Amino acid sequence: VQLQASGGGLVQAGASLRLSCAASGLAFSAFHMGWFRQAPGKEREFVARISGRVGVGTTYYGDSVKGRFTISRDNAKNTVYLQMNSLKPEDTAVYYCAAQAPVFSDYANDVKYNYWGQGTQVTVSS
C-alpha cells in the first residue's frame, strides 16, 4: 500500500491550498480516508476524514478547521483531497494522509488508521 501526499507549500495567511493524496495497493473506495497534521513540538492532530463506501462519504472535521477545510475523494482516481481555505499561521504543520479500514469508526484516533503517507509540509506566513 502506498499513499502519496502532495500539494503543500508556503503561502500567506488567508490563502488557499489543495492537498492531494494518491493511493495504491488497497481497495480505495472501501477505506475511510483521513488527514492529520503535526506541528513542531506538538502531537499529531486530527484534521478531517471522509468515509468509504459503507459510510457513503460522510465527512468529519477537527474543531480548528471546521468551516475552512473541505475533504473530498475521487474513487475513480484513488485520490483524496483536502481543500484548505482562509489559512492561518497556526495551520503550519506537516500534513499526513491516512487510510482506515472500514471496520473502524473512531475517525479521530490516529492509532486506528492502517496506512500512512509520507507527509507534505504546509507553511503559512503571517
C-alpha atoms as a PDB file:
ATOM      1  CA  VAL A   1       0.000   0.000   0.000  1.00  0.00           C
ATOM      2  CA  GLN A   2       1.256   3.455  -0.887  1.00  0.00           C
ATOM      3  CA  LEU A   3      -0.180   6.839  -0.035  1.00  0.00           C
ATOM      4  CA  GLN A   4       1.477   9.760  -1.800  1.00  0.00           C
ATOM      5  CA  ALA A   5       0.612  13.194  -0.463  1.00  0.00           C
ATOM      6  CA  SER A   6       1.336  16.356  -2.418  1.00  0.00           C
ATOM      7  CA  GLY A   7       0.308  19.983  -2.730  1.00  0.00           C
ATOM      8  CA  GLY A   8       1.948  21.533   0.289  1.00  0.00           C
ATOM      9  CA  GLY A   9       3.855  24.775   0.153  1.00  0.00           C
ATOM     10  CA  LEU A  10       4.493  28.214   1.586  1.00  0.00           C
ATOM     11  CA  VAL A  11       1.567  30.640   1.484  1.00  0.00           C
ATOM     12  CA  GLN A  12       0.462  33.807   3.211  1.00  0.00           C
ATOM     13  CA  ALA A  13      -2.299  33.952   5.764  1.00  0.00           C
ATOM     14  CA  GLY A  14      -5.701  33.991   4.118  1.00  0.00           C
ATOM     15  CA  ALA A  15      -4.582  31.995   1.106  1.00  0.00           C
ATOM     16  CA  SER A  16      -5.794  28.595  -0.044  1.00  0.00           C
ATOM     17  CA  LEU A  17      -4.096  25.305  -0.817  1.00  0.00           C
ATOM     18  CA  ARG A  18      -5.352  21.956  -2.001  1.00  0.00           C
ATOM     19  CA  LEU A  19      -3.600  18.826  -0.849  1.00  0.00           C
ATOM     20  CA  SER A  20      -3.899  15.558  -2.739  1.00  0.00           C
ATOM     21  CA  CYS A  21      -3.208  12.019  -1.672  1.00  0.00           C
ATOM     22  CA  ALA A  22      -2.972   9.316  -4.290  1.00  0.00           C
ATOM     23  CA  ALA A  23      -3.458   5.788  -3.018  1.00  0.00           C
ATOM     24  CA  SER A  24      -2.453   2.458  -4.490  1.00  0.00           C
ATOM     25  CA  GLY A  25      -2.464  -1.145  -3.389  1.00  0.00           C
ATOM     26  CA  LEU A  26      -5.737  -1.064  -1.462  1.00  0.00           C
ATOM     27  CA  ALA A  27      -9.457  -1.208  -2.142  1.00  0.00           C
ATOM     28  CA  PHE A  28      -9.615   2.556  -2.056  1.00  0.00           C
ATOM     29  CA  SER A  29     -13.369   3.067  -2.269  1.00  0.00           C
ATOM     30  CA  ALA A  30     -13.903   0.856   0.784  1.00  0.00           C
ATOM     31  CA  PHE A  31     -11.410   2.615   3.044  1.00  0.00           C
ATOM     32  CA  HIS A  32     -12.091   5.683   5.122  1.00  0.00           C
ATOM     33  CA  MET A  33      -9.520   8.351   4.272  1.00  0.00           C
ATOM     34  CA  GLY A  34      -8.229  10.920   6.708  1.00  0.00           C
ATOM     35  CA  TRP A  35      -5.884  13.844   7.067  1.00  0.00           C
ATOM     36  CA  PHE A  36      -3.833  14.557  10.160  1.00  0.00           C
ATOM     37  CA  ARG A  37      -1.231  17.207  10.830  1.00  0.00           C
ATOM     38  CA  GLN A  38       1.697  17.632  13.149  1.00  0.00           C
ATOM     39  CA  ALA A  39       3.362  20.890  14.031  1.00  0.00           C
ATOM     40  CA  PRO A  40       6.848  21.012  15.573  1.00  0.00           C
ATOM     41  CA  GLY A  41       6.741  20.099  19.240  1.00  0.00           C
ATOM     42  CA  LYS A  42       3.077  19.150  19.134  1.00  0.00           C
ATOM     43  CA  GLU A  43       1.137  15.918  18.978  1.00  0.00           C
ATOM     44  CA  ARG A  44      -0.424  14.732  15.763  1.00  0.00           C
ATOM     45  CA  GLU A  45      -3.832  16.337  15.323  1.00  0.00           C
ATOM     46  CA  PHE A  46      -6.912  15.068  13.515  1.00  0.00           C
ATOM     47  CA  VAL A  47      -7.922  17.310  10.623  1.00  0.00           C
ATOM     48  CA  ALA A  48     -10.603  15.548   8.591  1.00  0.00           C
ATOM     49  CA  ARG A  49     -11.933  12.199   7.487  1.00  0.00           C
ATOM     50  CA  ILE A  50     -14.221  11.065   4.707  1.00  0.00           C
ATOM     51  CA  SER A  51     -15.915   7.720   4.979  1.00  0.00           C
ATOM     52  CA  GLY A  52     -15.596   4.944   2.476  1.00  0.00           C
ATOM     53  CA  ARG A  53     -18.359   3.228   0.596  1.00  0.00           C
ATOM     54  CA  VAL A  54     -20.098   1.910   3.710  1.00  0.00           C
ATOM     55  CA  GLY A  55     -20.273   5.389   5.237  1.00  0.00           C
ATOM     56  CA  VAL A  56     -21.409   6.941   1.965  1.00  0.00           C
ATOM     57  CA  GLY A  57     -18.773   9.651   2.072  1.00  0.00           C
ATOM     58  CA  THR A  58     -19.678  11.105   5.449  1.00  0.00           C
ATOM     59  CA  THR A  59     -17.222  13.804   6.493  1.00  0.00           C
ATOM     60  CA  TYR A  60     -15.805  14.749   9.875  1.00  0.00           C
ATOM     61  CA  TYR A  61     -13.605  17.690  10.809  1.00  0.00           C
ATOM     62  CA  GLY A  62     -11.441  18.804  13.657  1.00  0.00           C
ATOM     63  CA  ASP A  63     -12.783  21.827  15.509  1.00  0.00           C
ATOM     64  CA  SER A  64      -9.887  24.039  14.454  1.00  0.00           C
ATOM     65  CA  VAL A  65     -10.576  23.586  10.728  1.00  0.00           C
ATOM     66  CA  LYS A  66     -14.364  23.388  10.559  1.00  0.00           C
ATOM     67  CA  GLY A  67     -15.764  25.823   8.043  1.00  0.00           C
ATOM     68  CA  ARG A  68     -12.358  26.398   6.392  1.00  0.00           C
ATOM     69  CA  PHE A  69     -11.238  22.965   5.183  1.00  0.00           C
ATOM     70  CA  THR A  70     -13.103  20.520   2.970  1.00  0.00           C
ATOM     71  CA  ILE A  71     -12.210  16.880   2.428  1.00  0.00           C
ATOM     72  CA  SER A  72     -13.334  15.065  -0.686  1.00  0.00           C
ATOM     73  CA  ARG A  73     -12.475  11.945  -2.613  1.00  0.00           C
ATOM     74  CA  ASP A  74     -12.475  10.689  -6.177  1.00  0.00           C
ATOM     75  CA  ASN A  75     -12.761   6.933  -6.079  1.00  0.00           C
ATOM     76  CA  ALA A  76     -12.164   6.672  -9.831  1.00  0.00           C
ATOM     77  CA  LYS A  77      -8.737   8.274  -9.305  1.00  0.00           C
ATOM     78  CA  ASN A  78      -7.991   6.648  -5.925  1.00  0.00           C
ATOM     79  CA  THR A  79      -7.342  10.113  -4.585  1.00  0.00           C
ATOM     80  CA  VAL A  80      -8.426  12.084  -1.542  1.00  0.00           C
ATOM     81  CA  TYR A  81      -8.217  15.866  -1.370  1.00  0.00           C
ATOM     82  CA  LEU A  82      -8.060  18.479   1.335  1.00  0.00           C
ATOM     83  CA  GLN A  83      -9.113  21.943   0.251  1.00  0.00           C
ATOM     84  CA  MET A  84      -7.778  24.446   2.761  1.00  0.00           C
ATOM     85  CA  ASN A  85      -9.135  27.975   2.690  1.00  0.00           C
ATOM     86  CA  SER A  86      -8.525  31.005   4.886  1.00  0.00           C
ATOM     87  CA  LEU A  87      -5.251  29.552   6.055  1.00  0.00           C
ATOM     88  CA  LYS A  88      -3.799  30.783   9.324  1.00  0.00           C
ATOM     89  CA  PRO A  89      -0.235  30.649  10.669  1.00  0.00           C
ATOM     90  CA  GLU A  90      -1.416  28.069  13.198  1.00  0.00           C
ATOM     91  CA  ASP A  91      -2.221  25.731  10.304  1.00  0.00           C
ATOM     92  CA  THR A  92       1.509  25.366   9.704  1.00  0.00           C
ATOM     93  CA  ALA A  93       2.376  21.685  10.012  1.00  0.00           C
ATOM     94  CA  VAL A  94       3.278  18.551   8.148  1.00  0.00           C
ATOM     95  CA  TYR A  95       0.057  17.114   6.765  1.00  0.00           C
ATOM     96  CA  TYR A  96      -0.368  13.363   6.502  1.00  0.00           C
ATOM     97  CA  CYS A  97      -2.991  11.366   4.700  1.00  0.00           C
ATOM     98  CA  ALA A  98      -4.041   8.049   6.153  1.00  0.00           C
ATOM     99  CA  ALA A  99      -6.283   5.134   5.287  1.00  0.00           C
ATOM    100  CA  GLN A 100      -8.565   3.476   7.781  1.00  0.00           C
ATOM    101  CA  ALA A 101     -10.102   0.050   7.299  1.00  0.00           C
ATOM    102  CA  PRO A 102     -13.906   0.148   7.025  1.00  0.00           C
ATOM    103  CA  VAL A 103     -14.343  -1.804  10.267  1.00  0.00           C
ATOM    104  CA  PHE A 104     -13.111   1.151  12.290  1.00  0.00           C
ATOM    105  CA  SER A 105     -15.353   4.049  13.287  1.00  0.00           C
ATOM    106  CA  ASP A 106     -13.053   6.080  15.551  1.00  0.00           C
ATOM    107  CA  TYR A 107     -12.245   8.693  12.956  1.00  0.00           C
ATOM    108  CA  ALA A 108     -10.105  10.994  15.124  1.00  0.00           C
ATOM    109  CA  ASN A 109      -7.846   8.347  16.648  1.00  0.00           C
ATOM    110  CA  ASP A 110      -4.640   8.069  14.671  1.00  0.00           C
ATOM    111  CA  VAL A 111      -3.804   4.631  16.059  1.00  0.00           C
ATOM    112  CA  LYS A 112      -6.927   3.316  14.333  1.00  0.00           C
ATOM    113  CA  TYR A 113      -5.534   4.121  10.891  1.00  0.00           C
ATOM    114  CA  ASN A 114      -3.851   1.328   8.979  1.00  0.00           C
ATOM    115  CA  TYR A 115      -1.713   3.109   6.388  1.00  0.00           C
ATOM    116  CA  TRP A 116       0.058   6.457   6.266  1.00  0.00           C
ATOM    117  CA  GLY A 117       1.549   8.677   3.620  1.00  0.00           C
ATOM    118  CA  GLN A 118       4.889  10.432   3.903  1.00  0.00           C
ATOM    119  CA  GLY A 119       3.548  13.899   4.704  1.00  0.00           C
ATOM    120  CA  THR A 120       3.618  17.235   2.944  1.00  0.00           C
ATOM    121  CA  GLN A 121       4.714  20.491   4.550  1.00  0.00           C
ATOM    122  CA  VAL A 122       2.311  23.404   4.748  1.00  0.00           C
ATOM    123  CA  THR A 123       3.720  26.703   5.960  1.00  0.00           C
ATOM    124  CA  VAL A 124       1.517  29.746   6.453  1.00  0.00           C
ATOM    125  CA  SER A 125       3.230  33.075   6.983  1.00  0.00           C
ATOM    126  CA  SER A 126       1.587  35.980   8.783  1.00  0.00           C
END
